[in-house]
PDB file of N, CA and C in Angstrom:
ATOM      1  N   MET A   1      88.709 104.857 101.867  1.00  0.00           N
ATOM      2  CA  MET A   1      88.206 103.622 102.432  1.00  0.00           C
ATOM      3  C   MET A   1      86.933 103.179 101.722  1.00  0.00           C
ATOM      4  N   VAL A   2      86.161 104.117 101.218  1.00  0.00           N
ATOM      5  CA  VAL A   2      84.931 103.740 100.525  1.00  0.00           C
ATOM      6  C   VAL A   2      85.269 102.896  99.295  1.00  0.00           C
ATOM      7  N   PHE A   3      86.322 103.268  98.572  1.00  0.00           N
ATOM      8  CA  PHE A   3      86.728 102.469  97.417  1.00  0.00           C
ATOM      9  C   PHE A   3      87.052 101.047  97.845  1.00  0.00           C
ATOM     10  N   LEU A   4      87.772 100.905  98.941  1.00  0.00           N
ATOM     11  CA  LEU A   4      88.145  99.570  99.402  1.00  0.00           C
ATOM     12  C   LEU A   4      86.916  98.757  99.813  1.00  0.00           C
ATOM     13  N   LEU A   5      85.920  99.402 100.366  1.00  0.00           N
ATOM     14  CA  LEU A   5      84.684  98.698 100.699  1.00  0.00           C
ATOM     15  C   LEU A   5      84.001  98.166  99.445  1.00  0.00           C
ATOM     16  N   ARG A   6      84.094  98.903  98.354  1.00  0.00           N
ATOM     17  CA  ARG A   6      83.523  98.426  97.089  1.00  0.00           C
ATOM     18  C   ARG A   6      84.245  97.174  96.602  1.00  0.00           C
ATOM     19  N   VAL A   7      85.539  97.097  96.852  1.00  0.00           N
ATOM     20  CA  VAL A   7      86.300  95.901  96.481  1.00  0.00           C
ATOM     21  C   VAL A   7      85.741  94.703  97.241  1.00  0.00           C
ATOM     22  N   VAL A   8      85.522  94.869  98.529  1.00  0.00           N
ATOM     23  CA  VAL A   8      84.980  93.791  99.347  1.00  0.00           C
ATOM     24  C   VAL A   8      83.578  93.418  98.879  1.00  0.00           C
ATOM     25  N   ASN A   9      82.754  94.417  98.643  1.00  0.00           N
ATOM     26  CA  ASN A   9      81.390  94.152  98.187  1.00  0.00           C
ATOM     27  C   ASN A   9      81.371  93.477  96.820  1.00  0.00           C
ATOM     28  N   GLY A  10      82.413  93.666  96.044  1.00  0.00           N
ATOM     29  CA  GLY A  10      82.522  93.043  94.730  1.00  0.00           C
ATOM     30  C   GLY A  10      83.165  91.667  94.769  1.00  0.00           C
ATOM     31  N   GLY A  11      83.332  91.110  95.947  1.00  0.00           N
ATOM     32  CA  GLY A  11      83.875  89.763  96.075  1.00  0.00           C
ATOM     33  C   GLY A  11      85.329  89.703  96.485  1.00  0.00           C
ATOM     34  N   GLY A  12      85.934  90.841  96.770  1.00  0.00           N
ATOM     35  CA  GLY A  12      87.335  90.863  97.187  1.00  0.00           C
ATOM     36  C   GLY A  12      87.466  90.827  98.698  1.00  0.00           C
ATOM     37  N   THR A  13      88.708  90.884  99.156  1.00  0.00           N
ATOM     38  CA  THR A  13      88.978  90.921 100.596  1.00  0.00           C
ATOM     39  C   THR A  13      90.029  91.985 100.884  1.00  0.00           C
ATOM     40  N   ILE A  14      89.972  92.515 102.094  1.00  0.00           N
ATOM     41  CA  ILE A  14      90.975  93.446 102.589  1.00  0.00           C
ATOM     42  C   ILE A  14      91.437  92.916 103.937  1.00  0.00           C
ATOM     43  N   GLU A  15      92.719  92.731 104.064  1.00  0.00           N
ATOM     44  CA  GLU A  15      93.264  92.250 105.329  1.00  0.00           C
ATOM     45  C   GLU A  15      94.239  93.291 105.857  1.00  0.00           C
ATOM     46  N   ARG A  16      93.994  93.743 107.090  1.00  0.00           N
ATOM     47  CA  ARG A  16      94.884  94.715 107.728  1.00  0.00           C
ATOM     48  C   ARG A  16      95.919  93.976 108.553  1.00  0.00           C
ATOM     49  N   GLU A  17      97.105  94.585 108.631  1.00  0.00           N
ATOM     50  CA  GLU A  17      98.211  93.979 109.378  1.00  0.00           C
ATOM     51  C   GLU A  17      98.413  92.530 108.950  1.00  0.00           C
ATOM     52  N   TYR A  18      98.507  92.344 107.639  1.00  0.00           N
ATOM     53  CA  TYR A  18      98.631  91.020 107.031  1.00  0.00           C
ATOM     54  C   TYR A  18     100.016  90.445 107.317  1.00  0.00           C
ATOM     55  N   ALA A  19     100.064  89.267 107.915  1.00  0.00           N
ATOM     56  CA  ALA A  19     101.335  88.635 108.276  1.00  0.00           C
ATOM     57  C   ALA A  19     102.033  88.088 107.037  1.00  0.00           C
ATOM     58  N   VAL A  20     103.256  88.566 106.820  1.00  0.00           N
ATOM     59  CA  VAL A  20     104.098  88.082 105.725  1.00  0.00           C
ATOM     60  C   VAL A  20     105.464  87.810 106.321  1.00  0.00           C
ATOM     61  N   GLY A  21     105.874  86.564 106.335  1.00  0.00           N
ATOM     62  CA  GLY A  21     107.148  86.226 106.965  1.00  0.00           C
ATOM     63  C   GLY A  21     107.097  86.602 108.439  1.00  0.00           C
ATOM     64  N   ARG A  22     108.082  87.390 108.876  1.00  0.00           N
ATOM     65  CA  ARG A  22     108.109  87.812 110.281  1.00  0.00           C
ATOM     66  C   ARG A  22     107.554  89.217 110.475  1.00  0.00           C
ATOM     67  N   GLY A  23     107.037  89.827 109.399  1.00  0.00           N
ATOM     68  CA  GLY A  23     106.506  91.178 109.487  1.00  0.00           C
ATOM     69  C   GLY A  23     105.007  91.223 109.271  1.00  0.00           C
ATOM     70  N   ARG A  24     104.472  92.441 109.309  1.00  0.00           N
ATOM     71  CA  ARG A  24     103.044  92.648 109.095  1.00  0.00           C
ATOM     72  C   ARG A  24     102.862  93.823 108.140  1.00  0.00           C
ATOM     73  N   MET A  25     102.386  93.505 106.940  1.00  0.00           N
ATOM     74  CA  MET A  25     102.104  94.523 105.934  1.00  0.00           C
ATOM     75  C   MET A  25     100.809  95.230 106.321  1.00  0.00           C
ATOM     76  N   ASP A  26     100.721  96.536 106.056  1.00  0.00           N
ATOM     77  CA  ASP A  26      99.557  97.302 106.497  1.00  0.00           C
ATOM     78  C   ASP A  26      98.255  96.845 105.860  1.00  0.00           C
ATOM     79  N   LEU A  27      98.231  96.693 104.533  1.00  0.00           N
ATOM     80  CA  LEU A  27      97.007  96.268 103.850  1.00  0.00           C
ATOM     81  C   LEU A  27      97.336  95.268 102.749  1.00  0.00           C
ATOM     82  N   CYS A  28      96.525  94.229 102.666  1.00  0.00           N
ATOM     83  CA  CYS A  28      96.593  93.281 101.562  1.00  0.00           C
ATOM     84  C   CYS A  28      95.195  93.236 100.955  1.00  0.00           C
ATOM     85  N   VAL A  29      95.082  93.709  99.719  1.00  0.00           N
ATOM     86  CA  VAL A  29      93.800  93.765  99.025  1.00  0.00           C
ATOM     87  C   VAL A  29      93.810  92.677  97.955  1.00  0.00           C
ATOM     88  N   ARG A  30      92.796  91.828  97.979  1.00  0.00           N
ATOM     89  CA  ARG A  30      92.690  90.744  96.993  1.00  0.00           C
ATOM     90  C   ARG A  30      91.350  90.845  96.281  1.00  0.00           C
ATOM     91  N   HIS A  31      91.409  90.671  94.979  1.00  0.00           N
ATOM     92  CA  HIS A  31      90.178  90.629  94.185  1.00  0.00           C
ATOM     93  C   HIS A  31      90.430  89.690  93.017  1.00  0.00           C
ATOM     94  N   GLY A  32      89.731  88.587  92.992  1.00  0.00           N
ATOM     95  CA  GLY A  32      89.980  87.583  91.960  1.00  0.00           C
ATOM     96  C   GLY A  32      91.427  87.136  92.019  1.00  0.00           C
ATOM     97  N   PRO A  33      92.108  87.122  90.882  1.00  0.00           N
ATOM     98  CA  PRO A  33      93.504  86.674  90.874  1.00  0.00           C
ATOM     99  C   PRO A  33      94.502  87.763  91.287  1.00  0.00           C
ATOM    100  N   ASP A  34      94.014  88.976  91.543  1.00  0.00           N
ATOM    101  CA  ASP A  34      94.902  90.105  91.821  1.00  0.00           C
ATOM    102  C   ASP A  34      95.126  90.306  93.317  1.00  0.00           C
ATOM    103  N   THR A  35      96.366  90.596  93.674  1.00  0.00           N
ATOM    104  CA  THR A  35      96.743  90.921  95.051  1.00  0.00           C
ATOM    105  C   THR A  35      97.487  92.246  95.032  1.00  0.00           C
ATOM    106  N   LEU A  36      97.072  93.155  95.896  1.00  0.00           N
ATOM    107  CA  LEU A  36      97.709  94.469  95.996  1.00  0.00           C
ATOM    108  C   LEU A  36      98.296  94.618  97.402  1.00  0.00           C
ATOM    109  N   ALA A  37      99.600  94.813  97.466  1.00  0.00           N
ATOM    110  CA  ALA A  37     100.307  94.998  98.728  1.00  0.00           C
ATOM    111  C   ALA A  37     100.489  96.489  98.975  1.00  0.00           C
ATOM    112  N   ILE A  38     100.055  96.967 100.145  1.00  0.00           N
ATOM    113  CA  ILE A  38     100.139  98.389 100.478  1.00  0.00           C
ATOM    114  C   ILE A  38     100.813  98.556 101.837  1.00  0.00           C
ATOM    115  N   GLU A  39     101.866  99.337 101.856  1.00  0.00           N
ATOM    116  CA  GLU A  39     102.524  99.717 103.111  1.00  0.00           C
ATOM    117  C   GLU A  39     102.273 101.200 103.335  1.00  0.00           C
ATOM    118  N   ILE A  40     102.015 101.592 104.573  1.00  0.00           N
ATOM    119  CA  ILE A  40     101.696 102.979 104.913  1.00  0.00           C
ATOM    120  C   ILE A  40     102.716 103.489 105.930  1.00  0.00           C
ATOM    121  N   LYS A  41     103.246 104.678 105.672  1.00  0.00           N
ATOM    122  CA  LYS A  41     104.183 105.326 106.590  1.00  0.00           C
ATOM    123  C   LYS A  41     103.719 106.757 106.844  1.00  0.00           C
ATOM    124  N   VAL A  42     104.019 107.270 108.021  1.00  0.00           N
ATOM    125  CA  VAL A  42     103.699 108.649 108.383  1.00  0.00           C
ATOM    126  C   VAL A  42     105.012 109.378 108.630  1.00  0.00           C
ATOM    127  N   TRP A  43     105.148 110.559 108.013  1.00  0.00           N
ATOM    128  CA  TRP A  43     106.343 111.398 108.171  1.00  0.00           C
ATOM    129  C   TRP A  43     106.000 112.494 109.154  1.00  0.00           C
ATOM    130  N   ARG A  44     106.633 112.456 110.326  1.00  0.00           N
ATOM    131  CA  ARG A  44     106.358 113.432 111.386  1.00  0.00           C
ATOM    132  C   ARG A  44     107.546 114.373 111.561  1.00  0.00           C
ATOM    133  N   ASP A  45     107.288 115.461 112.273  1.00  0.00           N
ATOM    134  CA  ASP A  45     108.351 116.411 112.592  1.00  0.00           C
ATOM    135  C   ASP A  45     109.533 115.683 113.237  1.00  0.00           C
ATOM    136  N   ARG A  46     110.733 116.178 112.948  1.00  0.00           N
ATOM    137  CA  ARG A  46     111.988 115.659 113.502  1.00  0.00           C
ATOM    138  C   ARG A  46     112.306 114.231 113.058  1.00  0.00           C
ATOM    139  N   GLU A  47     111.639 113.760 111.999  1.00  0.00           N
ATOM    140  CA  GLU A  47     111.953 112.450 111.423  1.00  0.00           C
ATOM    141  C   GLU A  47     112.431 112.656 109.993  1.00  0.00           C
ATOM    142  N   SER A  48     113.178 111.686 109.482  1.00  0.00           N
ATOM    143  CA  SER A  48     113.605 111.767 108.083  1.00  0.00           C
ATOM    144  C   SER A  48     112.530 111.153 107.183  1.00  0.00           C
ATOM    145  N   ASP A  49     112.631 111.453 105.908  1.00  0.00           N
ATOM    146  CA  ASP A  49     111.697 110.932 104.917  1.00  0.00           C
ATOM    147  C   ASP A  49     111.645 109.398 105.031  1.00  0.00           C
ATOM    148  N   PRO A  50     110.467 108.814 105.233  1.00  0.00           N
ATOM    149  CA  PRO A  50     110.358 107.368 105.413  1.00  0.00           C
ATOM    150  C   PRO A  50     110.406 106.558 104.120  1.00  0.00           C
ATOM    151  N   LEU A  51     110.698 107.197 102.987  1.00  0.00           N
ATOM    152  CA  LEU A  51     110.674 106.507 101.704  1.00  0.00           C
ATOM    153  C   LEU A  51     111.571 105.273 101.687  1.00  0.00           C
ATOM    154  N   ASN A  52     112.844 105.425 102.008  1.00  0.00           N
ATOM    155  CA  ASN A  52     113.776 104.297 101.922  1.00  0.00           C
ATOM    156  C   ASN A  52     113.403 103.159 102.853  1.00  0.00           C
ATOM    157  N   ASP A  53     113.018 103.478 104.086  1.00  0.00           N
ATOM    158  CA  ASP A  53     112.593 102.436 105.023  1.00  0.00           C
ATOM    159  C   ASP A  53     111.353 101.723 104.505  1.00  0.00           C
ATOM    160  N   GLY A  54     110.426 102.495 103.954  1.00  0.00           N
ATOM    161  CA  GLY A  54     109.198 101.906 103.422  1.00  0.00           C
ATOM    162  C   GLY A  54     109.472 100.992 102.235  1.00  0.00           C
ATOM    163  N   LEU A  55     110.358 101.417 101.330  1.00  0.00           N
ATOM    164  CA  LEU A  55     110.696 100.588 100.172  1.00  0.00           C
ATOM    165  C   LEU A  55     111.369  99.289 100.607  1.00  0.00           C
ATOM    166  N   GLU A  56     112.248  99.375 101.575  1.00  0.00           N
ATOM    167  CA  GLU A  56     112.932  98.175 102.065  1.00  0.00           C
ATOM    168  C   GLU A  56     111.937  97.224 102.734  1.00  0.00           C
ATOM    169  N   GLN A  57     111.067  97.764 103.562  1.00  0.00           N
ATOM    170  CA  GLN A  57     110.078  96.947 104.250  1.00  0.00           C
ATOM    171  C   GLN A  57     109.118  96.300 103.244  1.00  0.00           C
ATOM    172  N   LEU A  58     108.621  97.082 102.296  1.00  0.00           N
ATOM    173  CA  LEU A  58     107.698  96.573 101.289  1.00  0.00           C
ATOM    174  C   LEU A  58     108.366  95.509 100.426  1.00  0.00           C
ATOM    175  N   ASP A  59     109.641  95.660 100.151  1.00  0.00           N
ATOM    176  CA  ASP A  59     110.376  94.685  99.351  1.00  0.00           C
ATOM    177  C   ASP A  59     110.262  93.287  99.951  1.00  0.00           C
ATOM    178  N   GLY A  60     110.441  93.198 101.261  1.00  0.00           N
ATOM    179  CA  GLY A  60     110.325  91.901 101.931  1.00  0.00           C
ATOM    180  C   GLY A  60     108.923  91.323 101.837  1.00  0.00           C
ATOM    181  N   TYR A  61     107.920  92.186 101.968  1.00  0.00           N
ATOM    182  CA  TYR A  61     106.535  91.724 101.871  1.00  0.00           C
ATOM    183  C   TYR A  61     106.229  91.236 100.456  1.00  0.00           C
ATOM    184  N   LEU A  62     106.690  91.982  99.453  1.00  0.00           N
ATOM    185  CA  LEU A  62     106.450  91.585  98.068  1.00  0.00           C
ATOM    186  C   LEU A  62     107.121  90.258  97.762  1.00  0.00           C
ATOM    187  N   GLN A  63     108.330  90.084  98.278  1.00  0.00           N
ATOM    188  CA  GLN A  63     109.028  88.817  98.084  1.00  0.00           C
ATOM    189  C   GLN A  63     108.224  87.681  98.710  1.00  0.00           C
ATOM    190  N   GLY A  64     107.750  87.882  99.930  1.00  0.00           N
ATOM    191  CA  GLY A  64     106.978  86.846 100.621  1.00  0.00           C
ATOM    192  C   GLY A  64     105.680  86.486  99.920  1.00  0.00           C
ATOM    193  N   LEU A  65     105.093  87.468  99.214  1.00  0.00           N
ATOM    194  CA  LEU A  65     103.841  87.233  98.497  1.00  0.00           C
ATOM    195  C   LEU A  65     104.069  86.802  97.051  1.00  0.00           C
ATOM    196  N   GLY A  66     105.322  86.832  96.602  1.00  0.00           N
ATOM    197  CA  GLY A  66     105.626  86.482  95.228  1.00  0.00           C
ATOM    198  C   GLY A  66     105.139  87.527  94.234  1.00  0.00           C
ATOM    199  N   LEU A  67     105.154  88.818  94.645  1.00  0.00           N
ATOM    200  CA  LEU A  67     104.679  89.902  93.788  1.00  0.00           C
ATOM    201  C   LEU A  67     105.847  90.728  93.252  1.00  0.00           C
ATOM    202  N   ASP A  68     105.645  91.308  92.065  1.00  0.00           N
ATOM    203  CA  ASP A  68     106.669  92.153  91.450  1.00  0.00           C
ATOM    204  C   ASP A  68     106.454  93.632  91.698  1.00  0.00           C
ATOM    205  N   SER A  69     105.305  94.005  92.273  1.00  0.00           N
ATOM    206  CA  SER A  69     105.014  95.423  92.480  1.00  0.00           C
ATOM    207  C   SER A  69     104.098  95.613  93.679  1.00  0.00           C
ATOM    208  N   GLY A  70     104.100  96.840  94.197  1.00  0.00           N
ATOM    209  CA  GLY A  70     103.249  97.179  95.331  1.00  0.00           C
ATOM    210  C   GLY A  70     103.087  98.684  95.441  1.00  0.00           C
ATOM    211  N   TRP A  71     102.448  99.097  96.512  1.00  0.00           N
ATOM    212  CA  TRP A  71     102.168 100.514  96.753  1.00  0.00           C
ATOM    213  C   TRP A  71     102.717 100.924  98.115  1.00  0.00           C
ATOM    214  N   LEU A  72     103.274 102.134  98.161  1.00  0.00           N
ATOM    215  CA  LEU A  72     103.750 102.721  99.409  1.00  0.00           C
ATOM    216  C   LEU A  72     103.060 104.071  99.573  1.00  0.00           C
ATOM    217  N   MET A  73     102.315 104.237 100.649  1.00  0.00           N
ATOM    218  CA  MET A  73     101.603 105.479 100.936  1.00  0.00           C
ATOM    219  C   MET A  73     102.383 106.229 102.016  1.00  0.00           C
ATOM    220  N   LEU A  74     102.788 107.470 101.722  1.00  0.00           N
ATOM    221  CA  LEU A  74     103.532 108.296 102.668  1.00  0.00           C
ATOM    222  C   LEU A  74     102.687 109.513 103.024  1.00  0.00           C
ATOM    223  N   PHE A  75     102.260 109.586 104.267  1.00  0.00           N
ATOM    224  CA  PHE A  75     101.444 110.710 104.738  1.00  0.00           C
ATOM    225  C   PHE A  75     102.341 111.681 105.490  1.00  0.00           C
ATOM    226  N   ASP A  76     102.474 112.881 104.941  1.00  0.00           N
ATOM    227  CA  ASP A  76     103.347 113.906 105.512  1.00  0.00           C
ATOM    228  C   ASP A  76     102.578 114.700 106.559  1.00  0.00           C
ATOM    229  N   ARG A  77     102.865 114.434 107.823  1.00  0.00           N
ATOM    230  CA  ARG A  77     102.184 115.092 108.930  1.00  0.00           C
ATOM    231  C   ARG A  77     103.083 116.133 109.603  1.00  0.00           C
ATOM    232  N   ARG A  78     104.152 116.567 108.911  1.00  0.00           N
ATOM    233  CA  ARG A  78     105.032 117.578 109.487  1.00  0.00           C
ATOM    234  C   ARG A  78     104.321 118.927 109.522  1.00  0.00           C
ATOM    235  N   SER A  79     104.758 119.763 110.427  1.00  0.00           N
ATOM    236  CA  SER A  79     104.193 121.109 110.563  1.00  0.00           C
ATOM    237  C   SER A  79     104.465 121.933 109.309  1.00  0.00           C
ATOM    238  N   ASN A  80     103.609 122.913 109.094  1.00  0.00           N
ATOM    239  CA  ASN A  80     103.803 123.905 108.034  1.00  0.00           C
ATOM    240  C   ASN A  80     103.843 123.327 106.615  1.00  0.00           C
ATOM    241  N   GLN A  81     103.122 122.265 106.370  1.00  0.00           N
ATOM    242  CA  GLN A  81     103.028 121.705 105.028  1.00  0.00           C
ATOM    243  C   GLN A  81     101.883 122.378 104.277  1.00  0.00           C
ATOM    244  N   PRO A  82     101.973 122.454 102.950  1.00  0.00           N
ATOM    245  CA  PRO A  82     100.855 123.007 102.179  1.00  0.00           C
ATOM    246  C   PRO A  82      99.627 122.105 102.323  1.00  0.00           C
ATOM    247  N   PRO A  83      98.462 122.581 101.913  1.00  0.00           N
ATOM    248  CA  PRO A  83      97.250 121.754 101.991  1.00  0.00           C
ATOM    249  C   PRO A  83      97.451 120.423 101.260  1.00  0.00           C
ATOM    250  N   ILE A  84      96.759 119.391 101.701  1.00  0.00           N
ATOM    251  CA  ILE A  84      96.942 118.048 101.153  1.00  0.00           C
ATOM    252  C   ILE A  84      96.696 118.000  99.651  1.00  0.00           C
ATOM    253  N   ALA A  85      95.753 118.788  99.160  1.00  0.00           N
ATOM    254  CA  ALA A  85      95.474 118.797  97.717  1.00  0.00           C
ATOM    255  C   ALA A  85      96.684 119.281  96.914  1.00  0.00           C
ATOM    256  N   GLU A  86      97.491 120.147  97.493  1.00  0.00           N
ATOM    257  CA  GLU A  86      98.665 120.677  96.805  1.00  0.00           C
ATOM    258  C   GLU A  86      99.872 119.737  96.893  1.00  0.00           C
ATOM    259  N   ARG A  87      99.945 118.944  97.926  1.00  0.00           N
ATOM    260  CA  ARG A  87     101.132 118.101  98.097  1.00  0.00           C
ATOM    261  C   ARG A  87     100.914 116.644  97.705  1.00  0.00           C
ATOM    262  N   THR A  88      99.711 116.262  97.355  1.00  0.00           N
ATOM    263  CA  THR A  88      99.450 114.877  96.982  1.00  0.00           C
ATOM    264  C   THR A  88      99.924 114.622  95.558  1.00  0.00           C
ATOM    265  N   ARG A  89     100.724 113.565  95.414  1.00  0.00           N
ATOM    266  CA  ARG A  89     101.244 113.205  94.099  1.00  0.00           C
ATOM    267  C   ARG A  89     101.632 111.728  94.101  1.00  0.00           C
ATOM    268  N   ALA A  90     101.766 111.195  92.903  1.00  0.00           N
ATOM    269  CA  ALA A  90     102.213 109.814  92.726  1.00  0.00           C
ATOM    270  C   ALA A  90     103.551 109.830  92.004  1.00  0.00           C
ATOM    271  N   GLU A  91     104.405 108.900  92.363  1.00  0.00           N
ATOM    272  CA  GLU A  91     105.699 108.752  91.710  1.00  0.00           C
ATOM    273  C   GLU A  91     106.061 107.268  91.694  1.00  0.00           C
ATOM    274  N   GLN A  92     106.967 106.919  90.844  1.00  0.00           N
ATOM    275  CA  GLN A  92     107.419 105.534  90.752  1.00  0.00           C
ATOM    276  C   GLN A  92     108.771 105.399  91.439  1.00  0.00           C
ATOM    277  N   ALA A  93     108.973 104.251  92.076  1.00  0.00           N
ATOM    278  CA  ALA A  93     110.242 103.962  92.740  1.00  0.00           C
ATOM    279  C   ALA A  93     110.522 102.466  92.610  1.00  0.00           C
ATOM    280  N   ARG A  94     111.698 102.075  93.018  1.00  0.00           N
ATOM    281  CA  ARG A  94     112.075 100.661  93.017  1.00  0.00           C
ATOM    282  C   ARG A  94     112.560 100.269  94.404  1.00  0.00           C
ATOM    283  N   THR A  95     112.239  99.039  94.783  1.00  0.00           N
ATOM    284  CA  THR A  95     112.715  98.506  96.052  1.00  0.00           C
ATOM    285  C   THR A  95     114.194  98.169  95.901  1.00  0.00           C
ATOM    286  N   PRO A  96     114.873  97.852  96.995  1.00  0.00           N
ATOM    287  CA  PRO A  96     116.288  97.487  96.885  1.00  0.00           C
ATOM    288  C   PRO A  96     116.562  96.323  95.922  1.00  0.00           C
ATOM    289  N   SER A  97     115.594  95.423  95.768  1.00  0.00           N
ATOM    290  CA  SER A  97     115.813  94.296  94.847  1.00  0.00           C
ATOM    291  C   SER A  97     115.211  94.551  93.460  1.00  0.00           C
ATOM    292  N   GLY A  98     114.701  95.771  93.220  1.00  0.00           N
ATOM    293  CA  GLY A  98     114.255  96.155  91.891  1.00  0.00           C
ATOM    294  C   GLY A  98     112.776  96.018  91.603  1.00  0.00           C
ATOM    295  N   ARG A  99     111.962  95.711  92.612  1.00  0.00           N
ATOM    296  CA  ARG A  99     110.516  95.641  92.383  1.00  0.00           C
ATOM    297  C   ARG A  99     109.920  97.036  92.201  1.00  0.00           C
ATOM    298  N   GLN A 100     108.929  97.140  91.338  1.00  0.00           N
ATOM    299  CA  GLN A 100     108.276  98.410  91.022  1.00  0.00           C
ATOM    300  C   GLN A 100     107.299  98.785  92.135  1.00  0.00           C
ATOM    301  N   VAL A 101     107.362 100.046  92.578  1.00  0.00           N
ATOM    302  CA  VAL A 101     106.471 100.536  93.625  1.00  0.00           C
ATOM    303  C   VAL A 101     105.872 101.864  93.198  1.00  0.00           C
ATOM    304  N   THR A 102     104.565 101.978  93.347  1.00  0.00           N
ATOM    305  CA  THR A 102     103.888 103.265  93.174  1.00  0.00           C
ATOM    306  C   THR A 102     103.892 103.931  94.541  1.00  0.00           C
ATOM    307  N   VAL A 103     104.494 105.091  94.630  1.00  0.00           N
ATOM    308  CA  VAL A 103     104.564 105.843  95.887  1.00  0.00           C
ATOM    309  C   VAL A 103     103.554 106.972  95.802  1.00  0.00           C
ATOM    310  N   ILE A 104     102.667 107.019  96.783  1.00  0.00           N
ATOM    311  CA  ILE A 104     101.694 108.092  96.899  1.00  0.00           C
ATOM    312  C   ILE A 104     102.120 108.957  98.073  1.00  0.00           C
ATOM    313  N   ARG A 105     102.396 110.220  97.799  1.00  0.00           N
ATOM    314  CA  ARG A 105     102.744 111.166  98.864  1.00  0.00           C
ATOM    315  C   ARG A 105     101.554 112.075  99.097  1.00  0.00           C
ATOM    316  N   ALA A 106     101.137 112.169 100.335  1.00  0.00           N
ATOM    317  CA  ALA A 106      99.981 113.009 100.674  1.00  0.00           C
ATOM    318  C   ALA A 106     100.208 113.698 102.002  1.00  0.00           C
TER     319      ALA A 106
END
């Protein structure tokens, strides 16, 4: 969050629960001409991996914003997971319509 505060202090904006179409994207970060769309999901015990749902949801938000790429943050809160430093990684994925997404798993 400290990084995001620096964006705001540098003339950018951060909007939480940003309305796009009929949905609400978790974070919309704007700085100058750049817009960053971020969707956040939590993976809990007895649930399936939220990756596909997150990619589908983010796809609609990206379409509504006219963006070709975005970020999906997946926080694994299931029991018996290794420490966050060991499980945090970035990977690339595509939405159902082919938009590029950086997926952060933590």
